[in-house]
Amino acid sequence: MISNQSSGAYFGGLAMQFLAEGGTGTYQTGKSPQVSRLNAKKGAIFCQMSNELLADGLGFEAQLDMALRGAMAMGFDNSFITGRVRGNVRNKSCGFRR
């Protein structure tokens, strides 16, 4: 999404100000886009393991935790970059736009 930034205002219509020591800034009122509908989904990974593996596997819980965190991070990154969630549902609120 490209917007006119000639006034120096970028995100939400707000612009940074340089102030002299002891100077006062100019009050700004931000603008927020209208959100017509928010369809939130949560990311989840479920897996099974035996109690024996959990109890006897050396460092298994830590390894599983690291693998799950990595998989979740990769899944969220992919969704944010492509704007797609599993099932090819287009999520127009995220993803890079051309």
N, C-alpha and C. Protein backbone atom coordinates (compact mmCIF):
# COMPACT_ATOMS: atom_id res chain seq x y z
N MET A 1 0.85 -1.17 0.00
CA MET A 1 0.00 0.00 0.00
C MET A 1 0.90 1.24 0.00
N ILE A 2 0.76 2.09 -0.97
CA ILE A 2 1.55 3.30 -1.07
C ILE A 2 0.65 4.47 -0.72
N SER A 3 1.17 5.36 0.12
CA SER A 3 0.38 6.53 0.49
C SER A 3 1.24 7.77 0.31
N ASN A 4 0.61 8.92 0.26
CA ASN A 4 1.31 10.18 0.11
C ASN A 4 1.99 10.53 1.42
N GLN A 5 3.31 10.64 1.38
CA GLN A 5 4.08 10.94 2.57
C GLN A 5 4.81 12.27 2.44
N SER A 6 4.34 13.12 1.53
CA SER A 6 5.02 14.40 1.27
C SER A 6 4.99 15.34 2.47
N SER A 7 4.04 15.16 3.37
CA SER A 7 3.96 16.02 4.55
C SER A 7 4.91 15.57 5.65
N GLY A 8 5.55 14.41 5.46
CA GLY A 8 6.43 13.87 6.49
C GLY A 8 5.71 12.93 7.43
N ALA A 9 4.40 12.80 7.29
CA ALA A 9 3.63 11.90 8.14
C ALA A 9 3.64 10.51 7.53
N TYR A 10 3.93 9.52 8.35
CA TYR A 10 4.02 8.16 7.84
C TYR A 10 2.92 7.29 8.43
N PHE A 11 3.19 6.70 9.57
CA PHE A 11 2.28 5.72 10.14
C PHE A 11 1.18 6.39 10.94
N GLY A 12 -0.05 6.18 10.51
CA GLY A 12 -1.19 6.73 11.22
C GLY A 12 -1.30 8.23 11.16
N GLY A 13 -0.64 8.85 10.18
CA GLY A 13 -0.71 10.29 10.04
C GLY A 13 0.14 11.05 11.04
N LEU A 14 1.08 10.36 11.70
CA LEU A 14 1.94 10.98 12.70
C LEU A 14 3.33 11.23 12.13
N ALA A 15 3.94 12.35 12.53
CA ALA A 15 5.27 12.70 12.06
C ALA A 15 6.17 13.04 13.24
N MET A 16 7.43 12.61 13.14
CA MET A 16 8.40 12.92 14.19
C MET A 16 8.74 14.41 14.14
N GLN A 17 9.05 14.96 15.29
CA GLN A 17 9.42 16.37 15.39
C GLN A 17 10.78 16.48 16.08
N PHE A 18 11.62 17.38 15.60
CA PHE A 18 12.86 17.70 16.30
C PHE A 18 12.60 18.94 17.13
N LEU A 19 12.90 18.85 18.41
CA LEU A 19 12.62 19.95 19.33
C LEU A 19 13.90 20.47 19.95
N ALA A 20 13.95 21.76 20.15
CA ALA A 20 15.07 22.36 20.87
C ALA A 20 14.99 21.96 22.33
N GLU A 21 16.08 22.07 23.03
CA GLU A 21 16.07 21.74 24.46
C GLU A 21 15.07 22.64 25.16
N GLY A 22 14.15 22.04 25.88
CA GLY A 22 13.11 22.79 26.57
C GLY A 22 11.96 23.19 25.66
N GLY A 23 12.01 22.81 24.38
CA GLY A 23 10.96 23.17 23.43
C GLY A 23 9.73 22.31 23.63
N THR A 24 8.64 22.75 23.06
CA THR A 24 7.39 21.98 23.14
C THR A 24 7.01 21.51 21.75
N GLY A 25 6.41 20.36 21.71
CA GLY A 25 5.99 19.78 20.44
C GLY A 25 4.60 20.21 20.04
N THR A 26 4.27 19.97 18.80
CA THR A 26 2.95 20.26 18.28
C THR A 26 2.06 19.03 18.48
N TYR A 27 0.88 19.24 19.01
CA TYR A 27 -0.07 18.16 19.25
C TYR A 27 -0.49 17.56 17.91
N GLN A 28 -0.51 16.24 17.83
CA GLN A 28 -0.89 15.55 16.60
C GLN A 28 -2.05 14.60 16.89
N THR A 29 -2.92 14.48 15.95
CA THR A 29 -4.02 13.53 16.04
C THR A 29 -3.81 12.47 14.97
N GLY A 30 -3.66 11.24 15.41
CA GLY A 30 -3.42 10.14 14.47
C GLY A 30 -4.69 9.71 13.77
N LYS A 31 -4.50 9.00 12.70
CA LYS A 31 -5.61 8.46 11.93
C LYS A 31 -5.48 6.95 11.93
N SER A 32 -6.56 6.26 12.17
CA SER A 32 -6.52 4.80 12.13
C SER A 32 -7.43 4.31 11.02
N PRO A 33 -7.00 3.27 10.30
CA PRO A 33 -7.85 2.75 9.24
C PRO A 33 -9.08 2.08 9.83
N GLN A 34 -10.13 2.12 9.09
CA GLN A 34 -11.37 1.49 9.56
C GLN A 34 -11.23 -0.02 9.39
N VAL A 35 -11.46 -0.73 10.46
CA VAL A 35 -11.41 -2.18 10.42
C VAL A 35 -12.84 -2.67 10.28
N SER A 36 -13.13 -3.23 9.12
CA SER A 36 -14.51 -3.63 8.87
C SER A 36 -14.83 -4.97 9.54
N ARG A 37 -13.86 -5.88 9.56
CA ARG A 37 -14.13 -7.17 10.15
C ARG A 37 -12.81 -7.82 10.53
N LEU A 38 -12.72 -8.26 11.74
CA LEU A 38 -11.53 -8.96 12.21
C LEU A 38 -11.89 -10.42 12.41
N ASN A 39 -11.22 -11.27 11.69
CA ASN A 39 -11.47 -12.69 11.77
C ASN A 39 -10.21 -13.35 12.33
N ALA A 40 -10.07 -13.35 13.64
CA ALA A 40 -8.86 -13.85 14.28
C ALA A 40 -8.84 -15.37 14.31
N LYS A 41 -7.65 -15.90 14.11
CA LYS A 41 -7.42 -17.33 14.22
C LYS A 41 -6.17 -17.51 15.07
N LYS A 42 -6.08 -18.62 15.76
CA LYS A 42 -4.89 -18.86 16.54
C LYS A 42 -4.09 -20.00 15.94
N GLY A 43 -2.79 -19.90 16.07
CA GLY A 43 -1.92 -20.95 15.55
C GLY A 43 -1.72 -22.00 16.63
N ALA A 44 -1.68 -23.26 16.23
CA ALA A 44 -1.51 -24.34 17.19
C ALA A 44 -0.81 -25.52 16.54
N ILE A 45 -0.07 -26.26 17.32
CA ILE A 45 0.53 -27.52 16.89
C ILE A 45 0.24 -28.52 18.00
N PHE A 46 -0.30 -29.66 17.63
CA PHE A 46 -0.56 -30.73 18.59
C PHE A 46 0.27 -31.94 18.21
N CYS A 47 0.86 -32.57 19.19
CA CYS A 47 1.60 -33.81 18.94
C CYS A 47 1.43 -34.73 20.15
N GLN A 48 1.65 -36.00 19.90
CA GLN A 48 1.52 -36.98 20.97
C GLN A 48 2.88 -37.56 21.31
N MET A 49 3.04 -37.92 22.57
CA MET A 49 4.24 -38.63 23.01
C MET A 49 3.84 -39.51 24.18
N SER A 50 4.58 -40.55 24.37
CA SER A 50 4.27 -41.45 25.48
C SER A 50 4.87 -40.89 26.76
N ASN A 51 4.27 -41.27 27.88
CA ASN A 51 4.82 -40.87 29.18
C ASN A 51 6.24 -41.41 29.35
N GLU A 52 6.48 -42.60 28.80
CA GLU A 52 7.81 -43.21 28.91
C GLU A 52 8.85 -42.38 28.17
N LEU A 53 8.52 -41.92 26.97
CA LEU A 53 9.45 -41.07 26.22
C LEU A 53 9.71 -39.77 26.96
N LEU A 54 8.67 -39.18 27.48
CA LEU A 54 8.81 -37.93 28.22
C LEU A 54 9.69 -38.11 29.45
N ALA A 55 9.51 -39.24 30.14
CA ALA A 55 10.27 -39.48 31.37
C ALA A 55 11.71 -39.92 31.09
N ASP A 56 11.91 -40.75 30.06
CA ASP A 56 13.22 -41.35 29.85
C ASP A 56 14.05 -40.68 28.76
N GLY A 57 13.42 -39.93 27.90
CA GLY A 57 14.17 -39.28 26.82
C GLY A 57 15.05 -38.17 27.38
N LEU A 58 16.37 -38.29 27.17
CA LEU A 58 17.29 -37.30 27.72
C LEU A 58 17.12 -35.96 26.99
N GLY A 59 16.60 -34.99 27.70
CA GLY A 59 16.40 -33.66 27.12
C GLY A 59 15.30 -33.62 26.08
N PHE A 60 14.46 -34.64 26.03
CA PHE A 60 13.43 -34.69 24.98
C PHE A 60 12.47 -33.52 25.07
N GLU A 61 12.05 -33.18 26.28
CA GLU A 61 11.08 -32.09 26.43
C GLU A 61 11.65 -30.77 25.92
N ALA A 62 12.92 -30.50 26.22
CA ALA A 62 13.55 -29.27 25.75
C ALA A 62 13.70 -29.27 24.23
N GLN A 63 14.04 -30.44 23.66
CA GLN A 63 14.18 -30.54 22.21
C GLN A 63 12.82 -30.35 21.52
N LEU A 64 11.80 -30.95 22.09
CA LEU A 64 10.46 -30.80 21.53
C LEU A 64 10.00 -29.35 21.62
N ASP A 65 10.27 -28.72 22.75
CA ASP A 65 9.90 -27.31 22.94
C ASP A 65 10.58 -26.44 21.88
N MET A 66 11.87 -26.68 21.64
CA MET A 66 12.60 -25.90 20.65
C MET A 66 12.04 -26.14 19.24
N ALA A 67 11.72 -27.40 18.93
CA ALA A 67 11.16 -27.71 17.61
C ALA A 67 9.79 -27.07 17.41
N LEU A 68 8.95 -27.10 18.44
CA LEU A 68 7.62 -26.50 18.34
C LEU A 68 7.70 -24.99 18.19
N ARG A 69 8.59 -24.36 18.94
CA ARG A 69 8.74 -22.90 18.83
C ARG A 69 9.22 -22.51 17.43
N GLY A 70 10.16 -23.27 16.90
CA GLY A 70 10.66 -22.99 15.55
C GLY A 70 9.58 -23.17 14.50
N ALA A 71 8.80 -24.24 14.64
CA ALA A 71 7.72 -24.49 13.68
C ALA A 71 6.65 -23.41 13.75
N MET A 72 6.33 -22.97 14.96
CA MET A 72 5.34 -21.89 15.12
C MET A 72 5.87 -20.59 14.51
N ALA A 73 7.13 -20.27 14.77
CA ALA A 73 7.71 -19.05 14.22
C ALA A 73 7.69 -19.07 12.70
N MET A 74 8.08 -20.20 12.12
CA MET A 74 8.09 -20.33 10.67
C MET A 74 6.67 -20.22 10.10
N GLY A 75 5.72 -20.83 10.78
CA GLY A 75 4.34 -20.76 10.32
C GLY A 75 3.78 -19.34 10.36
N PHE A 76 4.07 -18.62 11.46
CA PHE A 76 3.60 -17.23 11.55
C PHE A 76 4.31 -16.35 10.52
N ASP A 77 5.62 -16.52 10.37
CA ASP A 77 6.36 -15.73 9.38
C ASP A 77 5.78 -15.94 8.00
N ASN A 78 5.53 -17.19 7.64
CA ASN A 78 4.97 -17.49 6.33
C ASN A 78 3.60 -16.84 6.14
N SER A 79 2.77 -16.89 7.17
CA SER A 79 1.44 -16.28 7.07
C SER A 79 1.53 -14.77 6.95
N PHE A 80 2.45 -14.13 7.70
CA PHE A 80 2.59 -12.68 7.64
C PHE A 80 3.13 -12.23 6.29
N ILE A 81 4.07 -12.99 5.74
CA ILE A 81 4.68 -12.60 4.47
C ILE A 81 3.74 -12.84 3.30
N THR A 82 3.08 -13.98 3.27
CA THR A 82 2.22 -14.31 2.14
C THR A 82 0.79 -13.82 2.30
N GLY A 83 0.37 -13.54 3.53
CA GLY A 83 -1.00 -13.13 3.76
C GLY A 83 -1.97 -14.29 3.71
N ARG A 84 -1.46 -15.49 3.78
CA ARG A 84 -2.32 -16.68 3.70
C ARG A 84 -2.23 -17.49 4.99
N VAL A 85 -3.35 -18.07 5.34
CA VAL A 85 -3.40 -19.00 6.45
C VAL A 85 -3.69 -20.37 5.86
N ARG A 86 -3.50 -21.41 6.62
CA ARG A 86 -3.71 -22.77 6.09
C ARG A 86 -5.11 -22.92 5.52
N GLY A 87 -5.22 -23.59 4.43
CA GLY A 87 -6.51 -23.74 3.75
C GLY A 87 -6.69 -22.70 2.65
N ASN A 88 -5.61 -21.93 2.35
CA ASN A 88 -5.62 -20.92 1.29
C ASN A 88 -6.68 -19.86 1.49
N VAL A 89 -6.99 -19.55 2.73
CA VAL A 89 -7.91 -18.46 3.02
C VAL A 89 -7.12 -17.17 2.99
N ARG A 90 -7.53 -16.23 2.18
CA ARG A 90 -6.81 -14.97 2.05
C ARG A 90 -7.07 -14.10 3.26
N ASN A 91 -6.00 -13.69 3.91
CA ASN A 91 -6.09 -12.79 5.05
C ASN A 91 -5.61 -11.42 4.57
N LYS A 92 -6.53 -10.54 4.26
CA LYS A 92 -6.18 -9.26 3.67
C LYS A 92 -5.54 -8.29 4.66
N SER A 93 -5.59 -8.61 5.94
CA SER A 93 -5.04 -7.67 6.91
C SER A 93 -3.55 -7.83 7.09
N CYS A 94 -2.95 -8.88 6.54
CA CYS A 94 -1.51 -9.04 6.68
C CYS A 94 -0.91 -9.49 5.37
N GLY A 95 0.37 -9.49 5.30
CA GLY A 95 1.08 -9.87 4.08
C GLY A 95 1.58 -8.65 3.36
N PHE A 96 2.66 -8.83 2.63
CA PHE A 96 3.21 -7.73 1.85
C PHE A 96 2.36 -7.51 0.63
N ARG A 97 2.09 -6.27 0.31
CA ARG A 97 1.26 -5.94 -0.83
C ARG A 97 2.10 -5.35 -1.92
N ARG A 98 1.70 -5.60 -3.14
CA ARG A 98 2.43 -5.05 -4.29
C ARG A 98 1.73 -3.86 -4.86
